[in-house]
Amino acid sequence: MEILDLRHFGATMLRPVLDSEAELWKKRLHWDYRASAQLLMQYLDNHMLPGYAAFEAERVAGYVFCVYEESKAVIGDVFATEAKPNGAALVHGIEQKLLRHLLELLVNSPHIDRIESQILLHPSGTHAATFREAGCRIFRRLFLVQPISPVWKPPELKLPDGLELRSWHDHDLAPASRLIAAAYHNHPDALINDQYRSAQGSMRFLNNIVRYSGCGTFSANVSHVIVEKGSRELVALVLGSRVSPESGHITQICVHPSFRRKGLARALLSVVSYGFMRQGASEISLTVTEANQEAIELYVAEGYTMTHSFDAAVWERSQQG
C-alpha cells in the first residue's frame, strides 16, 4: 500500500471508489452523491485537488482531500473501499493512514492556522482517535430525519405583529449573512465553523449553499425568510436543498437572538416541510450539534428522530502546546 499525492491521479482511477461511496451515501443517508462525485472528478482531472490516494495492486483503494481557505484547511472527505471479503477492518486502517498523512501535512504547514472537518458519512467515533492524536477537538453532531405526511393544506402561521413571512430572494444574501453572524454569536456551531463568526464568513457559507450546490441542489421555493416590517431586516430564515428525489435537507435555520421564543423556528419548520412535500419528497433531514440541546428538543417535538451521528473536528494552532 502506497500513499501518494492525489493530484497524480485522474478521475478514471477514482471512479470505482466514488461509485462505492455514492452507494453508501444512498443507503445510509438517502442522499444522491453523484453530483458531488462529478464535481470531484472535474477537480481530479484538472489535478487541482490537494490530498492523498491509497494505491495498491494497480488500483486506488481510497482517498482523502482538503480545500484551502486562506489560512484554514477544510478536510472534505476520506473514504476507502473493500477489495477483499470481510475487509471492513482493512478499510478503516486505510482511511486512518490517509487521514494521518493529511493531518501531518496540514499541522506542519506554517501557513495553516486552523483545520476543520465534518465528515458526514462516517458514524461518530469512526475516526475520532485519529483526529485527537493530531490535537483536534471533537464535537458530536446528529443527523435527524422527519417523515413528511402528504397533507396538502398549507400550514396556518400566527406570526407576532410586525413580522411577515416571504419566499427567499437572491437579494437576501447580504442581510442573511448579517443574520447568521448575529444568530451564531457565542453559539457552539461557531466553534465548529468559523464562517459563522462574521458577516463576511457567513456570506461565503451562503454562496456555497445557494449558488454552488455545496449541500445538494438549493431550492428557493422551500426557502423562506421572516422580515421585520419596519426595518425590512431579516429576523429568521430557513434554507432547504434537495439531496435526492425522496429527501429534502434543511441546510440552515436560524433566528435572531432578539426574536427567539416567539415560535419563529417552529413556523419555519412547518413551512419548509410543506414545501418539500409539494415537491414530492417523503422525508426531510437536518443536522444539529449535540451541545445545542434547546434546538434538539424543538426538533424532537416536531417529529424528528436521530438516524445517524457524526463528528466535527477542529484544530487551531493557537491552542497547541
Protein backbone atom coordinates (compact mmCIF):
# COMPACT_ATOMS: atom_id res chain seq x y z
CA MET A 1 0.00 0.00 0.00
CA GLU A 2 1.45 3.33 -1.10
CA ILE A 3 0.13 6.72 -0.02
CA LEU A 4 0.61 9.09 -2.95
CA ASP A 5 -0.28 12.67 -3.85
CA LEU A 6 -3.91 12.74 -5.01
CA ARG A 7 -3.02 15.13 -7.81
CA HIS A 8 -1.15 12.31 -9.58
CA PHE A 9 -4.47 10.59 -10.32
CA GLY A 10 -7.28 11.37 -12.74
CA ALA A 11 -10.99 10.76 -12.37
CA THR A 12 -10.86 7.38 -14.12
CA MET A 13 -8.69 5.90 -11.37
CA LEU A 14 -11.00 7.23 -8.62
CA ARG A 15 -14.32 6.39 -10.23
CA PRO A 16 -14.72 2.89 -8.64
CA VAL A 17 -14.09 4.39 -5.20
CA LEU A 18 -16.52 7.25 -5.79
CA ASP A 19 -19.17 4.83 -7.10
CA SER A 20 -18.86 2.74 -3.93
CA GLU A 21 -19.09 5.86 -1.82
CA ALA A 22 -22.22 7.01 -3.65
CA GLU A 23 -23.88 3.68 -2.84
CA LEU A 24 -23.14 4.17 0.86
CA TRP A 25 -24.47 7.76 0.85
CA LYS A 26 -27.72 6.47 -0.63
CA LYS A 27 -28.00 3.57 1.80
CA ARG A 28 -27.01 5.38 4.99
CA LEU A 29 -28.36 8.91 4.47
CA HIS A 30 -30.70 8.66 1.44
CA TRP A 31 -28.53 11.22 -0.36
CA ASP A 32 -27.68 11.24 -4.04
CA TYR A 33 -23.89 11.72 -4.03
CA ARG A 34 -23.45 11.65 -7.80
CA ALA A 35 -23.39 15.44 -8.30
CA SER A 36 -20.70 15.81 -5.64
CA ALA A 37 -18.72 12.94 -7.16
CA GLN A 38 -18.94 14.57 -10.59
CA LEU A 39 -17.53 17.82 -9.19
CA LEU A 40 -14.70 15.93 -7.50
CA MET A 41 -13.86 14.17 -10.77
CA GLN A 42 -13.58 17.52 -12.54
CA TYR A 43 -11.04 18.68 -9.95
CA LEU A 44 -9.21 15.37 -10.22
CA ASP A 45 -8.90 15.63 -13.99
CA ASN A 46 -7.55 19.17 -13.56
CA HIS A 47 -5.09 17.86 -10.91
CA MET A 48 -6.28 20.58 -8.53
CA LEU A 49 -7.45 18.58 -5.51
CA PRO A 50 -5.00 18.53 -2.56
CA GLY A 51 -4.89 15.25 -0.71
CA TYR A 52 -3.68 11.66 -0.84
CA ALA A 53 -4.65 8.39 -2.51
CA ALA A 54 -4.03 4.87 -1.24
CA PHE A 55 -2.62 2.88 -4.16
CA GLU A 56 -2.31 -0.92 -4.15
CA ALA A 57 -2.17 -3.59 -6.86
CA GLU A 58 -2.60 -1.04 -9.64
CA ARG A 59 -5.79 0.36 -8.17
CA VAL A 60 -6.82 3.26 -5.93
CA ALA A 61 -8.25 1.85 -2.71
CA GLY A 62 -9.14 5.14 -1.03
CA TYR A 63 -8.64 8.88 -0.93
CA VAL A 64 -8.67 11.92 1.32
CA PHE A 65 -8.81 15.56 0.26
CA CYS A 66 -8.96 19.08 1.63
CA VAL A 67 -9.60 22.60 0.38
CA TYR A 68 -7.77 25.72 1.47
CA GLU A 69 -9.46 28.94 2.59
CA GLU A 70 -6.66 31.43 3.26
CA SER A 71 -5.02 30.15 6.48
CA LYS A 72 -7.66 27.45 7.05
CA ALA A 73 -7.83 23.93 5.63
CA VAL A 74 -11.13 22.06 5.45
CA ILE A 75 -10.86 18.26 5.21
CA GLY A 76 -13.73 17.40 2.88
CA ASP A 77 -13.76 13.62 2.86
CA VAL A 78 -11.94 10.36 3.47
CA PHE A 79 -13.15 7.08 2.04
CA ALA A 80 -11.79 3.63 1.17
CA THR A 81 -13.35 0.57 -0.44
CA GLU A 82 -13.30 -3.10 0.45
CA ALA A 83 -11.24 -5.08 -2.01
CA LYS A 84 -11.46 -8.36 -0.12
CA PRO A 85 -14.17 -10.27 1.78
CA ASN A 86 -14.51 -9.17 5.42
CA GLY A 87 -12.38 -6.15 4.63
CA ALA A 88 -14.03 -3.63 6.97
CA ALA A 89 -11.00 -3.55 9.27
CA LEU A 90 -8.70 -3.03 6.29
CA VAL A 91 -10.88 -0.17 5.06
CA HIS A 92 -10.72 1.55 8.43
CA GLY A 93 -6.95 1.13 8.50
CA ILE A 94 -6.57 2.66 5.03
CA GLU A 95 -8.75 5.64 5.99
CA GLN A 96 -6.75 6.14 9.18
CA LYS A 97 -3.49 6.10 7.26
CA LEU A 98 -4.81 8.61 4.71
CA LEU A 99 -6.09 10.92 7.43
CA ARG A 100 -2.82 10.77 9.35
CA HIS A 101 -0.84 11.71 6.24
CA LEU A 102 -3.08 14.70 5.52
CA LEU A 103 -3.24 15.87 9.14
CA GLU A 104 0.54 15.61 9.47
CA LEU A 105 0.94 17.71 6.32
CA LEU A 106 -1.51 20.38 7.49
CA VAL A 107 -0.31 20.59 11.09
CA ASN A 108 3.26 21.07 9.88
CA SER A 109 2.33 23.66 7.24
CA PRO A 110 3.28 27.06 8.71
CA HIS A 111 0.63 28.91 6.70
CA ILE A 112 -2.21 26.79 8.16
CA ASP A 113 -3.60 28.12 11.45
CA ARG A 114 -6.89 26.20 11.55
CA ILE A 115 -8.23 22.84 10.37
CA GLU A 116 -11.92 21.97 10.18
CA SER A 117 -13.62 18.73 9.22
CA GLN A 118 -17.18 17.42 9.18
CA ILE A 119 -17.17 14.03 7.51
CA LEU A 120 -20.90 13.40 7.48
CA LEU A 121 -20.83 9.87 6.07
CA HIS A 122 -18.79 8.22 8.84
CA PRO A 123 -20.54 7.39 12.13
CA SER A 124 -19.41 9.26 15.23
CA GLY A 125 -16.26 7.79 16.71
CA THR A 126 -15.02 6.18 13.49
CA HIS A 127 -12.01 8.48 13.16
CA ALA A 128 -12.19 10.46 16.41
CA ALA A 129 -8.99 8.90 17.78
CA THR A 130 -7.02 9.87 14.67
CA PHE A 131 -8.19 13.47 14.89
CA ARG A 132 -7.46 13.62 18.61
CA GLU A 133 -3.94 12.29 18.03
CA ALA A 134 -3.36 15.35 15.84
CA GLY A 135 -4.59 17.69 18.57
CA CYS A 136 -8.14 18.22 17.28
CA ARG A 137 -11.20 18.88 19.40
CA ILE A 138 -14.21 16.66 18.59
CA PHE A 139 -17.84 17.81 18.53
CA ARG A 140 -20.55 15.19 18.06
CA ARG A 141 -23.28 16.12 15.60
CA LEU A 142 -26.63 14.46 14.98
CA PHE A 143 -28.44 13.70 11.73
CA LEU A 144 -32.19 13.94 12.28
CA VAL A 145 -34.96 12.85 9.92
CA GLN A 146 -38.69 13.55 9.83
CA PRO A 147 -41.11 11.67 7.55
CA ILE A 148 -43.31 14.04 5.55
CA SER A 149 -47.05 13.43 5.61
CA PRO A 150 -48.91 14.14 2.35
CA VAL A 151 -51.06 16.95 3.79
CA TRP A 152 -51.88 19.42 1.05
CA LYS A 153 -53.27 22.17 3.26
CA PRO A 154 -50.72 24.95 3.84
CA PRO A 155 -49.66 25.43 7.47
CA GLU A 156 -51.55 28.09 9.42
CA LEU A 157 -48.98 30.53 10.78
CA LYS A 158 -49.52 33.08 13.52
CA LEU A 159 -46.54 35.40 13.50
CA PRO A 160 -46.13 38.21 16.03
CA ASP A 161 -47.30 41.65 14.94
CA GLY A 162 -44.79 43.49 12.83
CA LEU A 163 -43.34 40.37 11.19
CA GLU A 164 -44.07 38.82 7.81
CA LEU A 165 -43.06 35.63 6.02
CA ARG A 166 -41.94 35.57 2.39
CA SER A 167 -40.01 33.38 -0.02
CA TRP A 168 -36.24 33.61 -0.41
CA HIS A 169 -34.82 36.03 -3.00
CA ASP A 170 -31.28 36.42 -4.30
CA HIS A 171 -31.04 39.89 -2.77
CA ASP A 172 -31.40 38.27 0.68
CA LEU A 173 -27.78 37.08 0.65
CA ALA A 174 -26.29 40.14 2.36
CA PRO A 175 -28.95 40.57 5.07
CA ALA A 176 -28.96 36.79 5.61
CA SER A 177 -25.21 36.85 6.23
CA ARG A 178 -25.71 39.52 8.91
CA LEU A 179 -28.49 37.47 10.49
CA ILE A 180 -26.38 34.29 10.61
CA ALA A 181 -23.45 36.11 12.23
CA ALA A 182 -25.77 37.54 14.89
CA ALA A 183 -27.61 34.25 15.45
CA TYR A 184 -24.41 32.25 15.97
CA HIS A 185 -22.66 34.69 18.31
CA ASN A 186 -21.33 32.59 21.25
CA HIS A 187 -23.03 29.55 19.71
CA PRO A 188 -21.49 26.03 19.76
CA ASP A 189 -21.58 25.86 15.95
CA ALA A 190 -19.31 28.92 15.72
CA LEU A 191 -16.60 26.79 17.35
CA ILE A 192 -17.01 24.21 14.57
CA ASN A 193 -17.36 26.54 11.57
CA ASP A 194 -15.58 29.88 11.89
CA GLN A 195 -17.52 31.26 8.91
CA TYR A 196 -20.41 31.84 11.30
CA ARG A 197 -18.36 34.38 13.29
CA SER A 198 -18.68 37.25 10.81
CA ALA A 199 -21.00 38.53 8.09
CA GLN A 200 -18.20 38.12 5.56
CA GLY A 201 -17.65 34.48 6.52
CA SER A 202 -21.40 33.81 6.55
CA MET A 203 -21.59 35.19 3.02
CA ARG A 204 -19.06 32.57 1.89
CA PHE A 205 -21.15 29.90 3.60
CA LEU A 206 -24.32 31.12 1.90
CA ASN A 207 -22.71 31.31 -1.53
CA ASN A 208 -21.59 27.71 -1.16
CA ILE A 209 -25.10 26.60 -0.23
CA VAL A 210 -27.17 28.79 -2.55
CA ARG A 211 -25.03 29.32 -5.65
CA TYR A 212 -22.61 26.41 -5.77
CA SER A 213 -24.77 23.50 -4.55
CA GLY A 214 -22.44 22.77 -1.66
CA CYS A 215 -25.12 20.68 0.02
CA GLY A 216 -27.50 19.25 -2.55
CA THR A 217 -29.47 21.36 -5.02
CA PHE A 218 -30.68 24.59 -3.45
CA SER A 219 -34.45 25.03 -3.56
CA ALA A 220 -35.57 28.67 -3.45
CA ASN A 221 -39.20 27.51 -3.45
CA VAL A 222 -38.96 25.90 0.00
CA SER A 223 -36.60 28.51 1.47
CA HIS A 224 -38.19 31.39 3.39
CA VAL A 225 -37.32 34.40 5.49
CA ILE A 226 -39.18 36.28 8.21
CA VAL A 227 -38.82 40.04 7.93
CA GLU A 228 -39.44 42.88 10.37
CA LYS A 229 -41.86 45.18 8.55
CA GLY A 230 -40.43 48.44 9.84
CA SER A 231 -36.70 47.91 9.28
CA ARG A 232 -37.10 45.28 6.50
CA GLU A 233 -34.28 43.37 8.19
CA LEU A 234 -34.33 39.57 8.29
CA VAL A 235 -35.04 38.18 11.74
CA ALA A 236 -35.23 34.46 10.84
CA LEU A 237 -34.65 32.18 7.87
CA VAL A 238 -34.76 28.60 6.67
CA LEU A 239 -32.89 27.29 3.64
CA GLY A 240 -33.54 23.94 2.00
CA SER A 241 -31.92 21.77 -0.66
CA ARG A 242 -32.92 18.56 -2.43
CA VAL A 243 -30.40 15.82 -1.74
CA SER A 244 -32.29 13.05 -3.56
CA PRO A 245 -35.70 12.55 -5.18
CA GLU A 246 -37.18 11.40 -1.88
CA SER A 247 -35.23 13.62 0.53
CA GLY A 248 -35.04 17.30 1.33
CA HIS A 249 -32.44 18.76 3.69
CA ILE A 250 -32.53 21.90 5.83
CA THR A 251 -29.14 23.49 5.23
CA GLN A 252 -29.71 26.42 7.58
CA ILE A 253 -32.33 27.57 10.07
CA CYS A 254 -31.70 30.41 12.48
CA VAL A 255 -33.46 33.16 14.44
CA HIS A 256 -32.02 36.48 15.58
CA PRO A 257 -31.44 36.44 19.36
CA SER A 258 -33.86 39.36 19.86
CA PHE A 259 -36.71 37.39 18.29
CA ARG A 260 -36.30 33.98 19.90
CA ARG A 261 -39.01 32.13 21.84
CA LYS A 262 -41.73 33.60 19.64
CA GLY A 263 -42.42 30.43 17.65
CA LEU A 264 -40.49 31.54 14.56
CA ALA A 265 -38.32 28.41 14.23
CA ARG A 266 -41.36 26.16 14.62
CA ALA A 267 -43.19 28.16 11.93
CA LEU A 268 -40.26 27.89 9.53
CA LEU A 269 -40.01 24.14 10.09
CA SER A 270 -43.65 23.70 9.09
CA VAL A 271 -43.22 25.92 6.03
CA VAL A 272 -40.15 24.09 4.72
CA SER A 273 -41.74 20.69 5.37
CA TYR A 274 -44.81 21.71 3.37
CA GLY A 275 -42.60 22.99 0.56
CA PHE A 276 -40.66 19.74 0.30
CA MET A 277 -43.89 17.75 0.43
CA ARG A 278 -45.22 19.69 -2.56
CA GLN A 279 -42.03 18.81 -4.42
CA GLY A 280 -42.68 15.11 -3.86
CA ALA A 281 -40.21 14.43 -1.05
CA SER A 282 -41.14 11.82 1.54
CA GLU A 283 -38.67 12.87 4.24
CA ILE A 284 -36.72 15.86 5.45
CA SER A 285 -33.40 15.90 7.32
CA LEU A 286 -31.18 18.33 9.20
CA THR A 287 -28.01 18.28 11.28
CA VAL A 288 -27.53 19.72 14.75
CA THR A 289 -24.66 19.82 17.22
CA GLU A 290 -25.26 17.61 20.26
CA ALA A 291 -24.44 20.51 22.61
CA ASN A 292 -27.38 22.50 21.20
CA GLN A 293 -29.96 20.82 23.41
CA GLU A 294 -32.60 23.53 23.06
CA ALA A 295 -32.71 23.08 19.28
CA ILE A 296 -32.75 19.28 19.61
CA GLU A 297 -35.76 19.45 21.93
CA LEU A 298 -37.62 21.54 19.34
CA TYR A 299 -36.79 19.15 16.51
CA VAL A 300 -37.84 16.09 18.51
CA ALA A 301 -41.11 17.81 19.45
CA GLU A 302 -41.71 18.44 15.73
CA GLY A 303 -41.30 14.75 14.91
CA TYR A 304 -37.61 14.43 14.03
CA THR A 305 -35.64 11.37 15.14
CA MET A 306 -31.90 10.72 15.09
CA THR A 307 -30.87 8.19 12.46
CA HIS A 308 -27.12 8.86 12.36
CA SER A 309 -24.40 10.76 14.20
CA PHE A 310 -21.01 12.01 13.03
CA ASP A 311 -18.05 14.02 14.28
CA ALA A 312 -16.85 17.53 13.60
CA ALA A 313 -13.15 18.07 14.25
CA VAL A 314 -11.33 21.37 14.79
CA TRP A 315 -7.61 22.10 15.17
CA GLU A 316 -6.20 25.54 15.95
CA ARG A 317 -2.52 26.33 16.04
CA SER A 318 -3.03 28.92 18.79
CA GLN A 319 -4.35 26.21 21.12
CA GLN A 320 -1.47 23.79 20.63
CA GLY A 321 1.14 23.41 23.36
